[in-house]
Protein backbone atom coordinates (compact mmCIF):
# COMPACT_ATOMS: atom_id res chain seq x y z
CA UNK A 1 0.12 -9.57 22.13
CA UNK A 2 3.83 -9.99 21.57
CA UNK A 3 5.91 -7.04 22.74
CA UNK A 4 7.57 -5.12 19.92
CA UNK A 5 9.95 -2.34 20.93
CA UNK A 6 11.93 -1.41 17.81
CA UNK A 7 9.20 -0.66 15.29
CA UNK A 8 11.61 0.95 12.81
CA UNK A 9 13.73 -2.22 12.67
CA UNK A 10 10.63 -4.40 12.37
CA UNK A 11 9.45 -2.32 9.42
CA UNK A 12 12.87 -2.60 7.73
CA UNK A 13 13.04 -6.32 8.32
CA UNK A 14 9.57 -6.85 6.79
CA UNK A 15 10.46 -4.70 3.81
CA UNK A 16 13.29 -7.12 3.15
CA UNK A 17 10.80 -10.01 3.32
CA UNK A 18 8.45 -8.09 1.07
CA UNK A 19 11.24 -7.41 -1.45
CA UNK A 20 12.52 -10.97 -1.35
CA UNK A 21 9.16 -12.38 -2.27
CA UNK A 22 8.76 -9.85 -5.04
CA UNK A 23 12.18 -10.79 -6.47
CA UNK A 24 11.14 -14.46 -6.33
CA UNK A 25 7.96 -13.80 -8.27
CA UNK A 26 8.48 -10.75 -10.46
CA UNK A 27 10.99 -8.96 -12.72
CA UNK A 28 13.04 -5.94 -11.70
CA UNK A 29 10.08 -3.75 -12.64
CA UNK A 30 7.54 -5.35 -10.32
CA UNK A 31 4.66 -4.11 -12.39
CA UNK A 32 5.90 -5.34 -15.79
CA UNK A 33 3.00 -7.16 -17.41
CA UNK A 34 0.77 -6.41 -14.41
CA UNK A 35 0.07 -2.67 -14.57
CA UNK A 36 -3.09 -3.16 -16.68
CA UNK A 37 -4.35 -5.72 -14.17
CA UNK A 38 -3.68 -3.28 -11.32
CA UNK A 39 -5.55 -0.50 -13.17
CA UNK A 40 -8.53 -2.83 -13.68
CA UNK A 41 -8.59 -3.78 -10.01
CA UNK A 42 -8.66 -0.12 -8.97
CA UNK A 43 -11.37 0.60 -11.53
CA UNK A 44 -13.58 -2.18 -10.14
CA UNK A 45 -12.92 -1.14 -6.57
CA UNK A 46 -13.76 2.52 -7.24
CA UNK A 47 -16.81 1.56 -9.31
CA UNK A 48 -18.26 -0.13 -6.25
CA UNK A 49 -18.99 3.29 -4.78
CA UNK A 50 -17.36 6.13 -2.86
CA UNK A 51 -15.44 5.40 0.32
CA UNK A 52 -14.14 7.31 3.33
CA UNK A 53 -10.65 7.72 1.81
CA UNK A 54 -11.88 9.41 -1.33
CA UNK A 55 -14.36 11.48 0.64
CA UNK A 56 -11.56 12.75 2.83
CA UNK A 57 -9.31 13.57 -0.16
CA UNK A 58 -12.15 15.40 -1.90
CA UNK A 59 -12.81 17.40 1.26
CA UNK A 60 -9.12 18.22 1.57
CA UNK A 61 -9.14 19.59 -1.98
CA UNK A 62 -12.10 21.79 -1.05
CA UNK A 63 -10.28 22.99 2.07
CA UNK A 64 -7.14 23.74 0.01
CA UNK A 65 -8.44 24.87 -3.46
CA UNK A 66 -6.00 24.70 -6.35
CA UNK A 67 -3.48 23.00 -4.06
CA UNK A 68 -0.16 21.74 -5.33
CA UNK A 69 0.14 17.97 -4.60
CA UNK A 70 2.99 15.51 -4.77
CA UNK A 71 1.54 12.06 -5.42
CA UNK A 72 4.21 9.60 -4.32
CA UNK A 73 3.91 6.26 -6.07
CA UNK A 74 1.17 7.47 -8.40
CA UNK A 75 0.79 4.13 -10.14
CA UNK A 76 -1.67 4.20 -13.04
CA UNK A 77 -2.94 7.62 -11.97
CA UNK A 78 -6.41 7.26 -10.44
CA UNK A 79 -5.63 9.57 -7.52
CA UNK A 80 -3.71 12.06 -9.69
CA UNK A 81 -6.60 12.31 -12.12
CA UNK A 82 -9.18 12.63 -9.34
CA UNK A 83 -7.18 15.47 -7.79
CA UNK A 84 -6.72 17.24 -11.11
CA UNK A 85 -10.46 17.03 -11.73
CA UNK A 86 -10.90 19.01 -8.51
CA UNK A 87 -8.52 21.78 -9.65
CA UNK A 88 -5.30 20.55 -7.99
CA UNK A 89 -1.86 20.84 -9.60
CA UNK A 90 -0.36 17.37 -9.31
CA UNK A 91 3.19 16.04 -9.64
CA UNK A 92 2.82 12.29 -10.10
CA UNK A 93 5.97 10.36 -9.08
CA UNK A 94 6.57 6.64 -9.76
CA UNK A 95 9.65 4.48 -10.36
CA UNK A 96 7.87 1.88 -12.54
CA UNK A 97 7.91 2.53 -16.29
CA UNK A 98 5.07 0.03 -16.68
CA UNK A 99 2.90 2.11 -14.40
CA UNK A 100 4.02 5.42 -15.89
CA UNK A 101 3.16 4.38 -19.44
CA UNK A 102 -0.46 3.86 -18.46
CA UNK A 103 -0.45 6.99 -16.32
CA UNK A 104 1.05 9.13 -19.11
CA UNK A 105 -1.46 7.82 -21.66
CA UNK A 106 -4.33 8.51 -19.32
CA UNK A 107 -3.09 12.05 -18.58
CA UNK A 108 -2.70 12.74 -22.30
CA UNK A 109 -6.19 11.41 -23.00
CA UNK A 110 -7.68 13.45 -20.19
CA UNK A 111 -6.38 16.77 -21.54
CA UNK A 112 -5.33 17.94 -18.09
CA UNK A 113 -2.33 20.29 -18.20
CA UNK A 114 -2.02 20.35 -14.42
CA UNK A 115 -0.42 16.87 -14.02
CA UNK A 116 3.36 16.53 -14.28
CA UNK A 117 4.62 12.92 -14.52
CA UNK A 118 8.08 12.06 -13.22
CA UNK A 119 9.90 8.72 -13.28
CA UNK A 120 11.56 8.73 -9.86
CA UNK A 121 11.41 6.87 -6.58
CA UNK A 122 11.02 8.49 -3.17
CA UNK A 123 12.56 10.17 -1.22
CA UNK A 124 13.96 12.94 -3.39
CA UNK A 125 15.37 16.36 -2.48
CA UNK A 126 15.05 18.08 -5.88
CA UNK A 127 11.28 18.41 -6.32
CA UNK A 128 10.61 21.60 -4.42
CA UNK A 129 7.69 22.05 -2.06
CA UNK A 130 3.99 21.22 -2.32
CA UNK A 131 0.94 22.04 -0.28
CA UNK A 132 0.15 18.36 0.21
CA UNK A 133 2.27 15.19 0.10
CA UNK A 134 0.13 12.17 -0.69
CA UNK A 135 1.16 8.52 -0.73
CA UNK A 136 -1.21 5.62 -1.42
CA UNK A 137 0.28 2.18 -0.63
CA UNK A 138 3.67 3.11 -2.11
CA UNK A 139 5.74 2.95 1.07
CA UNK A 140 6.06 -0.80 1.36
CA UNK A 141 9.42 -0.90 -0.46
CA UNK A 142 11.03 1.79 1.68
CA UNK A 143 13.17 0.17 4.42
CA UNK A 144 13.79 3.48 6.22
CA UNK A 145 10.26 4.66 6.93
CA UNK A 146 11.38 7.57 9.19
CA UNK A 147 13.49 8.93 6.30
CA UNK A 148 10.55 8.47 3.94
CA UNK A 149 8.30 10.42 6.33
CA UNK A 150 10.84 13.11 7.10
CA UNK A 151 11.23 13.76 3.38
CA UNK A 152 7.44 14.14 3.09
CA UNK A 153 7.42 16.60 5.98
CA UNK A 154 10.19 18.71 4.46
CA UNK A 155 8.33 18.77 1.14
CA UNK A 156 4.79 19.40 2.37
CA UNK A 157 3.65 22.87 3.39
CA UNK A 158 0.21 22.03 4.77
CA UNK A 159 -0.64 18.31 5.05
CA UNK A 160 0.70 14.76 4.69
CA UNK A 161 -1.62 11.90 3.76
CA UNK A 162 -0.83 8.17 3.79
CA UNK A 163 -3.05 5.33 2.67
CA UNK A 164 -1.78 2.07 4.10
CA UNK A 165 -3.10 -1.46 4.57
CA UNK A 166 -4.38 -2.31 8.08
CA UNK A 167 -4.49 -6.13 8.54
CA UNK A 168 -6.70 -7.85 11.09
CA UNK A 169 -4.26 -9.06 13.81
CA UNK A 170 -6.16 -12.40 13.81
CA UNK A 171 -6.20 -12.91 10.05
CA UNK A 172 -4.68 -15.97 8.42
CA UNK A 173 -1.46 -14.13 7.45
CA UNK A 174 -1.07 -12.85 11.00
CA UNK A 175 -1.39 -16.37 12.40
CA UNK A 176 1.11 -17.58 9.81
CA UNK A 177 3.53 -14.80 10.75
CA UNK A 178 3.29 -15.86 14.39
CA UNK A 179 4.30 -19.39 13.37
CA UNK A 180 7.23 -18.29 11.24
CA UNK A 181 8.38 -14.96 12.73
CA UNK A 182 7.08 -15.11 16.31
CA UNK A 183 4.92 -11.97 15.86
CA UNK A 184 1.69 -11.21 13.90
CA UNK A 185 3.23 -8.93 11.24
CA UNK A 186 3.70 -10.54 7.83
CA UNK A 187 4.48 -7.32 5.94
CA UNK A 188 4.91 -3.53 6.42
CA UNK A 189 1.54 -2.14 7.52
CA UNK A 190 -0.47 0.51 9.40
CA UNK A 191 0.08 -0.85 12.91
CA UNK A 192 3.86 -0.64 12.53
CA UNK A 193 3.83 2.68 10.70
CA UNK A 194 1.56 4.23 13.32
CA UNK A 195 3.96 3.35 16.13
CA UNK A 196 6.88 4.72 14.08
CA UNK A 197 5.01 8.01 13.59
CA UNK A 198 4.39 8.26 17.32
CA UNK A 199 8.06 7.65 18.00
CA UNK A 200 8.88 10.52 15.62
CA UNK A 201 6.69 12.90 17.57
CA UNK A 202 3.96 12.81 14.89
CA UNK A 203 0.42 12.30 16.30
CA UNK A 204 -1.59 11.51 13.20
CA UNK A 205 -5.33 11.36 12.64
CA UNK A 206 -6.65 8.03 11.38
CA UNK A 207 -9.73 7.22 9.28
CA UNK A 208 -10.44 3.55 8.81
CA UNK A 209 -11.96 2.57 5.48
CA UNK A 210 -15.68 2.28 6.02
CA UNK A 211 -16.62 0.23 2.96
CA UNK A 212 -15.45 -3.13 4.22
CA UNK A 213 -12.43 -5.30 3.67
CA UNK A 214 -10.40 -5.84 0.54
CA UNK A 215 -11.64 -8.56 -1.75
CA UNK A 216 -10.54 -11.99 -0.38
CA UNK A 217 -7.94 -14.09 -2.14
CA UNK A 218 -8.94 -17.33 -3.83
CA UNK A 219 -6.63 -20.29 -4.50
CA UNK A 220 -7.38 -23.22 -6.77
CA UNK A 221 -6.52 -25.88 -4.17
CA UNK A 222 -4.63 -26.48 -0.95
CA UNK A 223 -1.33 -26.94 -2.75
CA UNK A 224 -1.74 -23.54 -4.37
CA UNK A 225 -2.76 -21.98 -1.03
CA UNK A 226 0.33 -23.34 0.71
CA UNK A 227 2.50 -22.07 -2.13
CA UNK A 228 0.85 -18.67 -1.85
CA UNK A 229 1.34 -18.31 1.88
CA UNK A 230 4.97 -19.46 1.70
CA UNK A 231 5.66 -17.05 -1.14
CA UNK A 232 4.18 -14.20 0.86
CA UNK A 233 6.40 -15.05 3.81
CA UNK A 234 9.44 -15.49 1.50
CA UNK A 235 10.02 -19.09 2.67
CA UNK A 236 9.38 -20.85 -0.62
CA UNK A 237 12.52 -22.96 -0.29
CA UNK A 238 11.76 -24.11 3.26
CA UNK A 239 9.62 -27.07 4.25
CA UNK A 240 9.94 -26.79 8.05
CA UNK A 241 6.61 -25.00 8.42
CA UNK A 242 4.58 -26.87 5.80
CA UNK A 243 2.69 -29.10 8.22
CA UNK A 244 1.59 -26.25 10.53
CA UNK A 245 0.79 -23.91 7.66
CA UNK A 246 -1.28 -26.58 5.94
CA UNK A 247 -3.26 -27.15 9.13
CA UNK A 248 -3.75 -23.39 9.52
CA UNK A 249 -5.05 -23.09 5.95
CA UNK A 250 -7.30 -26.13 6.30
CA UNK A 251 -8.88 -24.58 9.42
CA UNK A 252 -9.47 -21.15 7.92
CA UNK A 253 -10.03 -21.35 4.14
CA UNK A 254 -13.55 -21.89 2.82
CA UNK A 255 -14.35 -24.02 -0.19
CA UNK A 256 -16.33 -22.20 -2.87
CA UNK A 257 -17.19 -22.76 -6.55
CA UNK A 258 -14.11 -20.67 -7.44
CA UNK A 259 -11.74 -22.57 -5.15
CA UNK A 260 -10.48 -22.07 -1.65
CA UNK A 261 -11.37 -18.59 -0.36
CA UNK A 262 -9.35 -16.84 2.32
CA UNK A 263 -11.23 -14.90 5.00
CA UNK A 264 -11.20 -11.13 4.51
CA UNK A 265 -8.33 -9.77 6.52
CA UNK A 266 -7.14 -6.35 5.27
CA UNK A 267 -8.67 -2.88 4.99
CA UNK A 268 -7.18 0.55 4.29
CA UNK A 269 -6.25 3.16 6.91
CA UNK A 270 -5.97 6.79 5.89
CA UNK A 271 -3.40 8.54 8.11
CA UNK A 272 -2.93 12.29 7.97
CA UNK A 273 -1.41 15.20 9.87
CA UNK A 274 -1.13 18.91 9.30
CA UNK A 275 2.07 20.93 9.41
């Protein structure tokens, strides 16, 4: 595999790619008009059954009863509500007003008085301390991951927990990244974050999701698939790679009744360490 030495810089570079593609596709509030769709995706995913990530979080709440928890990037509130149901006191932090509207409505409907909703991004230095700092897939927009992690460590008294995507290094996006970037990393992910944590002197525990891969993407046709992969790599205005990317897609995508299906290529890693 290609040798990567500066994992922190690689993370920051890929955050820029990630942000560039988001700016190309979405408004300033990335979740404007999409928060309901996100909530529905989570509902369907959770309805499919329990998984190792939720099992671990539930066990953590048993180990630390009535814990205070900072939920960084709380989104539409599934984790915050789950934690509150187990007796935790949760501060739910998110910068997106679209997400927070759904979260606030759900908290009000639930009747829980132990969830405090705050419209802020992370890191922050004015939120006090909590037993547990928890972040589920909300670190991808943070270019300085060591600063993000250090802020969590300063805030947490007992445990830090991250949920982060872990792509297959031989997935279609990894092969596309090799073509365009010269390495298999198309976006900020577990492999990069893990090496950054090690470089910071943090030796985390890792639990790989045991319920299989994320639902595969489906594109209507090859033109749509090429547009999708270029948008994800933030090269929508370039044509230099079109031939090779089209060949890559033709070799890997499967035709179904719904369209062209991408092979499954991403699962979730739960990363945690105690303080």
